[in-house]
N, C-alpha and C. Protein backbone atom coordinates (compact mmCIF):
# COMPACT_ATOMS: atom_id res chain seq x y z
N MET A 1 -18.18 -2.45 -3.83
CA MET A 1 -19.37 -1.75 -3.37
C MET A 1 -19.07 -0.92 -2.12
N ARG A 2 -18.14 -1.42 -1.26
CA ARG A 2 -17.81 -0.68 -0.05
C ARG A 2 -17.11 0.64 -0.36
N ILE A 3 -16.31 0.65 -1.43
CA ILE A 3 -15.63 1.90 -1.80
C ILE A 3 -16.68 2.93 -2.18
N PHE A 4 -17.67 2.54 -2.98
CA PHE A 4 -18.72 3.46 -3.38
C PHE A 4 -19.48 3.97 -2.15
N THR A 5 -19.80 3.06 -1.24
CA THR A 5 -20.51 3.45 -0.02
C THR A 5 -19.66 4.40 0.82
N ALA A 6 -18.36 4.13 0.90
CA ALA A 6 -17.46 5.02 1.64
C ALA A 6 -17.42 6.41 1.02
N PHE A 7 -17.37 6.46 -0.32
CA PHE A 7 -17.40 7.75 -1.02
C PHE A 7 -18.68 8.51 -0.66
N LYS A 8 -19.81 7.82 -0.77
CA LYS A 8 -21.08 8.47 -0.49
C LYS A 8 -21.14 8.98 0.95
N ALA A 9 -20.68 8.15 1.89
CA ALA A 9 -20.70 8.56 3.30
C ALA A 9 -19.77 9.75 3.53
N PHE A 10 -18.59 9.71 2.93
CA PHE A 10 -17.63 10.79 3.09
C PHE A 10 -18.23 12.12 2.62
N PHE A 11 -18.79 12.12 1.43
CA PHE A 11 -19.32 13.37 0.89
C PHE A 11 -20.63 13.79 1.56
N ALA A 12 -21.40 12.82 2.03
CA ALA A 12 -22.61 13.16 2.76
C ALA A 12 -22.26 13.88 4.06
N VAL A 13 -21.21 13.43 4.73
CA VAL A 13 -20.77 14.08 5.96
C VAL A 13 -20.11 15.42 5.66
N LEU A 14 -19.30 15.46 4.60
CA LEU A 14 -18.57 16.67 4.26
C LEU A 14 -19.50 17.82 3.90
N PHE A 15 -20.54 17.54 3.13
CA PHE A 15 -21.39 18.60 2.63
C PHE A 15 -22.71 18.77 3.38
N HIS A 16 -23.04 17.85 4.26
CA HIS A 16 -24.30 17.94 4.99
C HIS A 16 -24.04 17.61 6.46
N GLY A 17 -23.92 18.66 7.28
CA GLY A 17 -23.57 18.51 8.69
C GLY A 17 -24.48 17.59 9.47
N GLU A 18 -25.77 17.57 9.12
CA GLU A 18 -26.70 16.71 9.86
C GLU A 18 -26.36 15.23 9.69
N ASN A 19 -25.73 14.86 8.58
CA ASN A 19 -25.32 13.47 8.38
C ASN A 19 -24.14 13.10 9.26
N ALA A 20 -23.32 14.08 9.61
CA ALA A 20 -22.15 13.82 10.45
C ALA A 20 -22.58 13.24 11.79
N GLU A 21 -23.64 13.80 12.38
CA GLU A 21 -24.11 13.30 13.67
C GLU A 21 -24.57 11.85 13.56
N LYS A 22 -25.23 11.51 12.46
CA LYS A 22 -25.69 10.14 12.27
C LYS A 22 -24.51 9.18 12.17
N VAL A 23 -23.48 9.58 11.44
CA VAL A 23 -22.30 8.72 11.27
C VAL A 23 -21.56 8.58 12.59
N ILE A 24 -21.41 9.69 13.32
CA ILE A 24 -20.73 9.64 14.62
C ILE A 24 -21.48 8.71 15.57
N SER A 25 -22.80 8.81 15.57
CA SER A 25 -23.61 7.94 16.42
C SER A 25 -23.45 6.48 16.02
N ALA A 26 -23.44 6.20 14.73
CA ALA A 26 -23.27 4.82 14.25
C ALA A 26 -21.90 4.28 14.62
N LEU A 27 -20.87 5.11 14.53
CA LEU A 27 -19.52 4.66 14.87
C LEU A 27 -19.37 4.41 16.36
N LYS A 28 -20.07 5.19 17.18
CA LYS A 28 -19.99 4.98 18.62
C LYS A 28 -20.64 3.68 19.04
N THR A 29 -21.69 3.25 18.34
CA THR A 29 -22.38 2.01 18.70
C THR A 29 -21.65 0.78 18.21
N SER A 30 -20.79 0.92 17.20
CA SER A 30 -20.01 -0.23 16.74
C SER A 30 -18.71 -0.28 17.52
N SER A 31 -18.07 -1.44 17.54
CA SER A 31 -16.81 -1.59 18.26
C SER A 31 -15.65 -1.37 17.30
N PRO A 32 -15.00 -0.18 17.31
CA PRO A 32 -13.92 0.07 16.37
C PRO A 32 -12.67 -0.74 16.66
N ALA A 33 -12.55 -1.26 17.88
CA ALA A 33 -11.33 -2.00 18.22
C ALA A 33 -11.23 -3.31 17.47
N VAL A 34 -12.37 -4.00 17.24
CA VAL A 34 -12.36 -5.28 16.54
C VAL A 34 -13.47 -5.25 15.50
N LEU A 35 -13.09 -5.27 14.25
CA LEU A 35 -14.06 -5.29 13.17
C LEU A 35 -14.53 -6.72 12.94
N PRO A 36 -15.71 -6.90 12.32
CA PRO A 36 -16.23 -8.25 12.11
C PRO A 36 -15.24 -9.18 11.42
N HIS A 37 -14.54 -8.71 10.38
CA HIS A 37 -13.61 -9.60 9.67
C HIS A 37 -12.41 -9.96 10.54
N GLU A 38 -12.05 -9.11 11.51
CA GLU A 38 -10.95 -9.42 12.41
C GLU A 38 -11.37 -10.51 13.40
N LYS A 39 -12.63 -10.49 13.85
CA LYS A 39 -13.12 -11.54 14.74
C LYS A 39 -13.05 -12.88 14.02
N THR A 40 -13.46 -12.90 12.75
CA THR A 40 -13.43 -14.11 11.95
C THR A 40 -12.00 -14.60 11.80
N ALA A 41 -11.07 -13.69 11.54
CA ALA A 41 -9.66 -14.06 11.37
C ALA A 41 -9.11 -14.68 12.65
N GLU A 42 -9.49 -14.11 13.82
CA GLU A 42 -9.03 -14.66 15.09
C GLU A 42 -9.52 -16.09 15.26
N LYS A 43 -10.78 -16.35 14.93
CA LYS A 43 -11.33 -17.69 15.06
C LYS A 43 -10.62 -18.65 14.14
N ILE A 44 -10.36 -18.22 12.91
CA ILE A 44 -9.68 -19.08 11.94
C ILE A 44 -8.27 -19.41 12.42
N GLU A 45 -7.55 -18.41 12.94
CA GLU A 45 -6.19 -18.64 13.44
C GLU A 45 -6.20 -19.66 14.57
N LYS A 46 -7.22 -19.63 15.41
CA LYS A 46 -7.29 -20.56 16.53
C LYS A 46 -7.59 -21.98 16.05
N ILE A 47 -8.32 -22.10 14.94
CA ILE A 47 -8.73 -23.40 14.44
C ILE A 47 -7.65 -24.02 13.57
N GLU A 48 -7.05 -23.24 12.68
CA GLU A 48 -6.17 -23.78 11.67
C GLU A 48 -4.97 -24.58 12.18
N PRO A 49 -4.21 -24.09 13.19
CA PRO A 49 -3.02 -24.85 13.60
C PRO A 49 -3.32 -26.29 14.00
N SER A 50 -4.42 -26.53 14.67
CA SER A 50 -4.73 -27.89 15.09
C SER A 50 -5.19 -28.75 13.93
N GLN A 51 -5.64 -28.14 12.84
CA GLN A 51 -6.13 -28.90 11.70
C GLN A 51 -5.07 -29.10 10.63
N GLN A 52 -3.92 -28.44 10.76
CA GLN A 52 -2.87 -28.56 9.75
C GLN A 52 -2.18 -29.91 9.88
N LYS A 53 -1.78 -30.44 8.72
CA LYS A 53 -1.06 -31.71 8.70
C LYS A 53 0.41 -31.44 8.96
N SER A 54 1.03 -32.25 9.77
CA SER A 54 2.44 -32.03 10.10
C SER A 54 3.36 -32.39 8.94
N ASP A 55 2.89 -33.20 7.97
CA ASP A 55 3.73 -33.59 6.86
C ASP A 55 3.68 -32.61 5.69
N GLN A 56 3.02 -31.47 5.88
CA GLN A 56 2.95 -30.45 4.82
C GLN A 56 4.32 -29.86 4.56
N LYS A 57 4.65 -29.68 3.27
CA LYS A 57 5.91 -29.04 2.92
C LYS A 57 5.81 -27.55 3.18
N THR A 58 6.95 -26.93 3.47
CA THR A 58 6.99 -25.49 3.67
C THR A 58 6.77 -24.80 2.34
N VAL A 59 5.82 -23.88 2.32
CA VAL A 59 5.50 -23.14 1.11
C VAL A 59 5.93 -21.70 1.32
N GLN A 60 6.53 -21.11 0.28
CA GLN A 60 6.93 -19.72 0.37
C GLN A 60 6.09 -18.88 -0.56
N GLN A 61 5.92 -17.63 -0.19
CA GLN A 61 5.20 -16.67 -1.01
C GLN A 61 6.20 -15.68 -1.57
N SER A 62 6.02 -15.30 -2.81
CA SER A 62 6.88 -14.29 -3.42
C SER A 62 6.83 -13.02 -2.59
N GLU A 63 7.98 -12.37 -2.43
CA GLU A 63 8.00 -11.11 -1.68
C GLU A 63 7.16 -10.05 -2.38
N ALA A 64 7.06 -10.11 -3.70
CA ALA A 64 6.22 -9.16 -4.43
C ALA A 64 4.75 -9.35 -4.05
N ILE A 65 4.33 -10.60 -3.94
CA ILE A 65 2.95 -10.89 -3.53
C ILE A 65 2.72 -10.44 -2.10
N THR A 66 3.71 -10.66 -1.22
CA THR A 66 3.60 -10.22 0.17
C THR A 66 3.42 -8.71 0.24
N LEU A 67 4.20 -7.98 -0.55
CA LEU A 67 4.08 -6.51 -0.56
C LEU A 67 2.72 -6.08 -1.11
N LEU A 68 2.30 -6.66 -2.23
CA LEU A 68 0.98 -6.30 -2.79
C LEU A 68 -0.14 -6.62 -1.79
N ALA A 69 -0.03 -7.75 -1.12
CA ALA A 69 -1.06 -8.13 -0.15
C ALA A 69 -1.11 -7.11 0.99
N ALA A 70 0.05 -6.64 1.45
CA ALA A 70 0.08 -5.63 2.51
C ALA A 70 -0.52 -4.31 2.03
N LEU A 71 -0.20 -3.92 0.80
CA LEU A 71 -0.76 -2.67 0.26
C LEU A 71 -2.28 -2.78 0.09
N GLN A 72 -2.76 -3.96 -0.24
CA GLN A 72 -4.20 -4.16 -0.33
C GLN A 72 -4.84 -4.15 1.06
N ARG A 73 -4.24 -4.90 1.99
CA ARG A 73 -4.81 -5.03 3.34
C ARG A 73 -4.87 -3.69 4.06
N GLU A 74 -3.82 -2.88 3.93
CA GLU A 74 -3.72 -1.66 4.71
C GLU A 74 -4.15 -0.41 3.97
N ALA A 75 -4.12 -0.44 2.63
CA ALA A 75 -4.47 0.78 1.88
C ALA A 75 -5.53 0.53 0.82
N ARG A 76 -5.96 -0.71 0.65
CA ARG A 76 -6.95 -1.07 -0.37
C ARG A 76 -6.50 -0.63 -1.76
N LEU A 77 -5.17 -0.73 -2.01
CA LEU A 77 -4.60 -0.27 -3.27
C LEU A 77 -5.17 -1.04 -4.47
N ILE A 78 -5.27 -2.35 -4.36
CA ILE A 78 -5.77 -3.13 -5.49
C ILE A 78 -7.24 -2.82 -5.73
N ASP A 79 -8.03 -2.71 -4.67
CA ASP A 79 -9.44 -2.32 -4.85
C ASP A 79 -9.53 -1.00 -5.60
N PHE A 80 -8.71 -0.03 -5.19
CA PHE A 80 -8.72 1.29 -5.82
C PHE A 80 -8.35 1.19 -7.30
N CYS A 81 -7.28 0.45 -7.60
CA CYS A 81 -6.81 0.34 -9.00
C CYS A 81 -7.77 -0.48 -9.87
N GLN A 82 -8.45 -1.44 -9.29
CA GLN A 82 -9.36 -2.29 -10.05
C GLN A 82 -10.76 -1.67 -10.21
N GLU A 83 -11.05 -0.66 -9.43
CA GLU A 83 -12.36 0.00 -9.48
C GLU A 83 -12.49 0.81 -10.77
N ASN A 84 -13.62 0.69 -11.44
CA ASN A 84 -13.90 1.53 -12.61
C ASN A 84 -14.31 2.91 -12.09
N LEU A 85 -13.50 3.91 -12.39
CA LEU A 85 -13.71 5.24 -11.84
C LEU A 85 -14.52 6.16 -12.75
N ASP A 86 -14.99 5.64 -13.87
CA ASP A 86 -15.71 6.47 -14.84
C ASP A 86 -16.95 7.14 -14.26
N SER A 87 -17.63 6.48 -13.33
CA SER A 87 -18.88 7.04 -12.80
C SER A 87 -18.66 8.02 -11.64
N TYR A 88 -17.42 8.21 -11.21
CA TYR A 88 -17.13 9.10 -10.09
C TYR A 88 -16.66 10.46 -10.59
N GLU A 89 -16.95 11.48 -9.83
CA GLU A 89 -16.45 12.82 -10.11
C GLU A 89 -14.96 12.88 -9.75
N ASP A 90 -14.24 13.79 -10.40
CA ASP A 90 -12.81 13.92 -10.12
C ASP A 90 -12.53 14.21 -8.65
N VAL A 91 -13.39 15.00 -8.02
CA VAL A 91 -13.19 15.33 -6.61
C VAL A 91 -13.33 14.08 -5.73
N GLN A 92 -14.22 13.17 -6.11
CA GLN A 92 -14.39 11.93 -5.36
C GLN A 92 -13.15 11.04 -5.52
N VAL A 93 -12.66 10.94 -6.75
CA VAL A 93 -11.46 10.14 -7.00
C VAL A 93 -10.27 10.74 -6.25
N GLY A 94 -10.16 12.06 -6.27
CA GLY A 94 -9.07 12.73 -5.57
C GLY A 94 -9.10 12.46 -4.08
N ALA A 95 -10.28 12.49 -3.49
CA ALA A 95 -10.40 12.24 -2.05
C ALA A 95 -9.99 10.81 -1.72
N ALA A 96 -10.41 9.86 -2.54
CA ALA A 96 -10.03 8.46 -2.31
C ALA A 96 -8.54 8.27 -2.54
N ALA A 97 -8.02 8.91 -3.58
CA ALA A 97 -6.59 8.78 -3.88
C ALA A 97 -5.74 9.31 -2.74
N ARG A 98 -6.16 10.37 -2.10
CA ARG A 98 -5.39 10.92 -0.98
C ARG A 98 -5.29 9.90 0.15
N ALA A 99 -6.38 9.24 0.48
CA ALA A 99 -6.36 8.24 1.55
C ALA A 99 -5.49 7.05 1.16
N VAL A 100 -5.64 6.57 -0.08
CA VAL A 100 -4.84 5.43 -0.55
C VAL A 100 -3.36 5.83 -0.55
N HIS A 101 -3.06 7.02 -1.01
CA HIS A 101 -1.68 7.52 -1.03
C HIS A 101 -1.06 7.51 0.37
N ASP A 102 -1.77 8.08 1.33
CA ASP A 102 -1.25 8.16 2.70
C ASP A 102 -1.02 6.78 3.29
N GLN A 103 -1.95 5.87 3.06
CA GLN A 103 -1.82 4.53 3.63
C GLN A 103 -0.72 3.73 2.94
N CYS A 104 -0.57 3.88 1.62
CA CYS A 104 0.52 3.21 0.90
C CYS A 104 1.87 3.74 1.38
N ALA A 105 1.96 5.05 1.56
CA ALA A 105 3.21 5.65 2.04
C ALA A 105 3.59 5.09 3.41
N ALA A 106 2.60 4.88 4.26
CA ALA A 106 2.87 4.32 5.59
C ALA A 106 3.40 2.89 5.49
N VAL A 107 2.84 2.10 4.59
CA VAL A 107 3.31 0.72 4.39
C VAL A 107 4.75 0.73 3.88
N LEU A 108 5.04 1.55 2.87
CA LEU A 108 6.39 1.62 2.32
C LEU A 108 7.39 2.10 3.37
N GLU A 109 7.02 3.05 4.18
CA GLU A 109 7.90 3.55 5.23
C GLU A 109 8.20 2.44 6.24
N ARG A 110 7.18 1.71 6.64
CA ARG A 110 7.36 0.66 7.64
C ARG A 110 8.24 -0.49 7.11
N PHE A 111 8.04 -0.89 5.86
CA PHE A 111 8.78 -2.02 5.30
C PHE A 111 10.18 -1.64 4.81
N PHE A 112 10.34 -0.41 4.28
CA PHE A 112 11.59 -0.07 3.58
C PHE A 112 12.30 1.18 4.09
N HIS A 113 11.65 2.07 4.79
CA HIS A 113 12.21 3.36 5.19
C HIS A 113 12.94 3.98 3.99
N ILE A 114 12.17 4.47 3.04
CA ILE A 114 12.69 5.00 1.79
C ILE A 114 13.19 6.43 1.99
N VAL A 115 14.40 6.69 1.49
CA VAL A 115 15.02 8.02 1.61
C VAL A 115 15.57 8.42 0.25
N PRO A 116 15.79 9.73 0.03
CA PRO A 116 16.40 10.17 -1.23
C PRO A 116 17.80 9.58 -1.41
N LEU A 117 18.14 9.20 -2.63
CA LEU A 117 19.45 8.65 -2.95
C LEU A 117 20.53 9.73 -2.92
N ARG A 118 20.20 10.91 -3.44
CA ARG A 118 21.13 12.04 -3.42
C ARG A 118 20.61 13.08 -2.43
N LYS A 119 21.50 13.69 -1.70
CA LYS A 119 21.10 14.67 -0.68
C LYS A 119 20.93 16.07 -1.24
N GLU A 120 21.52 16.35 -2.42
CA GLU A 120 21.41 17.68 -3.00
C GLU A 120 19.96 17.95 -3.42
N PRO A 121 19.55 19.20 -3.39
CA PRO A 121 18.19 19.52 -3.84
C PRO A 121 18.05 19.32 -5.35
N GLU A 122 16.86 18.91 -5.76
CA GLU A 122 16.61 18.79 -7.20
C GLU A 122 16.81 20.15 -7.85
N GLN A 123 17.25 20.14 -9.10
CA GLN A 123 17.57 21.31 -9.93
C GLN A 123 18.96 21.88 -9.63
N SER A 124 19.67 21.35 -8.61
CA SER A 124 21.02 21.85 -8.33
C SER A 124 22.01 21.18 -9.30
N ILE A 125 23.20 21.77 -9.45
CA ILE A 125 24.25 21.23 -10.30
C ILE A 125 25.06 20.23 -9.47
N VAL A 126 25.21 19.00 -10.00
CA VAL A 126 25.94 17.95 -9.30
C VAL A 126 27.03 17.38 -10.21
N GLU A 127 27.97 16.70 -9.59
CA GLU A 127 29.05 16.05 -10.34
C GLU A 127 28.97 14.54 -10.11
N VAL A 128 29.04 13.78 -11.20
CA VAL A 128 29.04 12.33 -11.15
C VAL A 128 30.44 11.87 -11.55
N THR A 129 31.13 11.24 -10.60
CA THR A 129 32.52 10.83 -10.86
C THR A 129 32.62 9.36 -11.26
N GLN A 130 31.65 8.54 -10.86
CA GLN A 130 31.63 7.13 -11.22
C GLN A 130 30.24 6.78 -11.73
N PHE A 131 30.20 5.92 -12.74
CA PHE A 131 28.91 5.58 -13.33
C PHE A 131 28.48 4.19 -12.90
N ASP A 132 27.28 4.10 -12.37
CA ASP A 132 26.61 2.84 -12.06
C ASP A 132 25.16 3.05 -12.48
N ALA A 133 24.73 2.31 -13.51
CA ALA A 133 23.39 2.51 -14.08
C ALA A 133 22.28 2.30 -13.07
N ALA A 134 22.53 1.55 -12.00
CA ALA A 134 21.52 1.35 -10.97
C ALA A 134 21.43 2.54 -10.03
N VAL A 135 22.48 3.38 -10.02
CA VAL A 135 22.54 4.49 -9.08
C VAL A 135 22.26 5.83 -9.75
N VAL A 136 22.69 5.99 -10.99
CA VAL A 136 22.49 7.26 -11.68
C VAL A 136 22.14 7.01 -13.15
N GLN A 137 21.24 7.81 -13.66
CA GLN A 137 20.88 7.75 -15.08
C GLN A 137 21.32 9.06 -15.70
N LEU A 138 22.24 8.96 -16.63
CA LEU A 138 22.74 10.15 -17.31
C LEU A 138 21.92 10.39 -18.57
N THR A 139 21.52 11.64 -18.79
CA THR A 139 20.81 12.01 -20.01
C THR A 139 21.45 13.26 -20.58
N GLY A 140 21.17 13.54 -21.83
CA GLY A 140 21.70 14.76 -22.45
C GLY A 140 22.99 14.51 -23.20
N ASN A 141 23.88 15.50 -23.22
CA ASN A 141 25.14 15.46 -23.95
C ASN A 141 26.20 14.79 -23.06
N ILE A 142 26.32 13.48 -23.16
CA ILE A 142 27.20 12.72 -22.28
C ILE A 142 28.56 12.54 -22.95
N GLN A 143 29.60 13.05 -22.28
CA GLN A 143 30.98 12.87 -22.75
C GLN A 143 31.43 11.46 -22.42
N GLU A 144 32.50 11.04 -23.07
CA GLU A 144 32.96 9.67 -22.95
C GLU A 144 33.49 9.33 -21.55
N LYS A 145 34.20 10.23 -20.91
CA LYS A 145 34.84 9.93 -19.63
C LYS A 145 34.30 10.85 -18.52
N PRO A 146 34.26 10.30 -17.27
CA PRO A 146 33.85 11.14 -16.15
C PRO A 146 34.95 12.14 -15.81
N PRO A 147 34.66 13.12 -15.01
CA PRO A 147 33.39 13.39 -14.33
C PRO A 147 32.39 14.08 -15.24
N TRP A 148 31.12 13.88 -14.91
CA TRP A 148 30.02 14.54 -15.62
C TRP A 148 29.38 15.54 -14.67
N ARG A 149 29.10 16.71 -15.18
CA ARG A 149 28.40 17.74 -14.39
C ARG A 149 27.07 18.00 -15.07
N GLY A 150 26.03 18.10 -14.27
CA GLY A 150 24.72 18.37 -14.83
C GLY A 150 23.71 18.70 -13.75
N GLN A 151 22.50 18.97 -14.19
CA GLN A 151 21.42 19.35 -13.28
C GLN A 151 20.73 18.09 -12.75
N LEU A 152 20.56 18.03 -11.45
CA LEU A 152 19.87 16.90 -10.82
C LEU A 152 18.36 17.08 -11.04
N THR A 153 17.79 16.25 -11.90
CA THR A 153 16.36 16.38 -12.21
C THR A 153 15.50 15.50 -11.30
N HIS A 154 16.08 14.46 -10.71
CA HIS A 154 15.37 13.63 -9.73
C HIS A 154 16.42 13.05 -8.80
N HIS A 155 16.20 13.15 -7.50
CA HIS A 155 17.20 12.71 -6.53
C HIS A 155 17.30 11.21 -6.37
N GLY A 156 16.36 10.44 -6.92
CA GLY A 156 16.36 8.98 -6.77
C GLY A 156 15.91 8.58 -5.38
N TRP A 157 15.70 7.28 -5.22
CA TRP A 157 15.26 6.75 -3.92
C TRP A 157 16.06 5.51 -3.58
N LYS A 158 16.22 5.26 -2.28
CA LYS A 158 16.81 3.99 -1.84
C LYS A 158 16.11 3.54 -0.58
N ALA A 159 16.11 2.23 -0.40
CA ALA A 159 15.53 1.65 0.81
C ALA A 159 16.63 1.50 1.85
N VAL A 160 16.37 1.95 3.06
CA VAL A 160 17.32 1.81 4.15
C VAL A 160 17.23 0.40 4.74
N LYS A 161 16.05 -0.21 4.63
CA LYS A 161 15.85 -1.56 5.15
C LYS A 161 14.86 -2.28 4.24
N CYS A 162 14.73 -3.57 4.40
CA CYS A 162 13.73 -4.37 3.69
C CYS A 162 13.23 -5.40 4.69
N GLU A 163 12.11 -5.07 5.33
CA GLU A 163 11.55 -5.93 6.36
C GLU A 163 10.10 -6.27 6.03
N LEU A 164 9.94 -7.22 5.12
CA LEU A 164 8.60 -7.67 4.77
C LEU A 164 8.09 -8.63 5.84
N PRO A 165 6.80 -8.62 6.07
CA PRO A 165 6.26 -9.52 7.10
C PRO A 165 6.43 -10.98 6.68
N ALA A 166 6.61 -11.84 7.66
CA ALA A 166 6.71 -13.28 7.40
C ALA A 166 5.35 -13.79 6.95
N TRP A 167 5.36 -14.74 6.05
CA TRP A 167 4.11 -15.32 5.55
C TRP A 167 4.16 -16.81 5.78
N ASN A 168 3.04 -17.38 6.16
CA ASN A 168 2.93 -18.83 6.16
C ASN A 168 1.54 -19.18 5.68
N GLY A 169 1.46 -20.21 4.89
CA GLY A 169 0.18 -20.59 4.32
C GLY A 169 0.35 -21.82 3.45
N THR A 170 -0.67 -22.09 2.67
CA THR A 170 -0.66 -23.27 1.82
C THR A 170 -0.24 -22.91 0.40
N LYS A 171 0.04 -23.93 -0.38
CA LYS A 171 0.41 -23.73 -1.78
C LYS A 171 -0.71 -22.99 -2.52
N GLU A 172 -1.94 -23.32 -2.19
CA GLU A 172 -3.09 -22.71 -2.84
C GLU A 172 -3.23 -21.22 -2.51
N SER A 173 -2.75 -20.82 -1.33
CA SER A 173 -2.91 -19.42 -0.93
C SER A 173 -1.67 -18.57 -1.20
N ALA A 174 -0.63 -19.14 -1.78
CA ALA A 174 0.63 -18.42 -1.99
C ALA A 174 0.48 -17.24 -2.95
N MET A 175 -0.50 -17.26 -3.83
CA MET A 175 -0.69 -16.18 -4.79
C MET A 175 -1.89 -15.29 -4.44
N VAL A 176 -2.48 -15.49 -3.28
CA VAL A 176 -3.64 -14.70 -2.86
C VAL A 176 -3.18 -13.33 -2.38
N LEU A 177 -3.75 -12.29 -2.98
CA LEU A 177 -3.43 -10.91 -2.58
C LEU A 177 -4.36 -10.41 -1.49
N ALA A 178 -5.60 -10.87 -1.53
CA ALA A 178 -6.58 -10.49 -0.52
C ALA A 178 -7.61 -11.61 -0.45
N PRO A 179 -7.94 -12.05 0.73
CA PRO A 179 -8.94 -13.11 0.82
C PRO A 179 -10.33 -12.59 0.45
N ALA A 180 -11.16 -13.48 -0.01
CA ALA A 180 -12.57 -13.13 -0.22
C ALA A 180 -13.17 -12.86 1.14
N GLU A 181 -14.08 -11.92 1.21
CA GLU A 181 -14.71 -11.59 2.49
C GLU A 181 -16.16 -12.03 2.45
N VAL A 182 -16.57 -12.79 3.43
CA VAL A 182 -17.94 -13.29 3.53
C VAL A 182 -18.48 -12.89 4.89
N GLU A 183 -19.56 -12.14 4.89
CA GLU A 183 -20.18 -11.76 6.15
C GLU A 183 -21.26 -12.78 6.50
N VAL A 184 -21.11 -13.40 7.64
CA VAL A 184 -22.06 -14.41 8.08
C VAL A 184 -23.01 -13.75 9.08
N PRO A 185 -24.32 -13.81 8.78
CA PRO A 185 -25.28 -13.15 9.68
C PRO A 185 -25.37 -13.82 11.03
């Protein structure tokens, strides 16, 4: 429901200037530094350590789950992908996709610092002297022995680093991608 409300607010401000003043005024009266769910998280963090049992076994979370959870937390990627977009106009979906794209790119940059695998520009002629299926995919008329010369159709990607955030939690929460959110009046 929040995504729909965000869409409505975005387009109301974009196409109707008088709504912009209302939104600016509302944002000024709220505290952007700490959102309500962050206050709740701080309280929970303060309570949980004293309530944890010392005999609990160490539980690990899959790195894939950790990455998905970060993409959801920071870019709302899962919300976006799970949302039924049939009732939205293409321009609304495009505007939301741009924000999700930018935020996902920031997460990937922070965790992996992704760079092109090959430095040559795409569409240039390159030579492949050694074959490693994880590094290069050959297509077309492939001769039996290297070197192979051909057009670079995609430069590939590689991660310079892999620094996923540390996770700690219970066995029950190891597969949680995003916690349920409950607003308490």
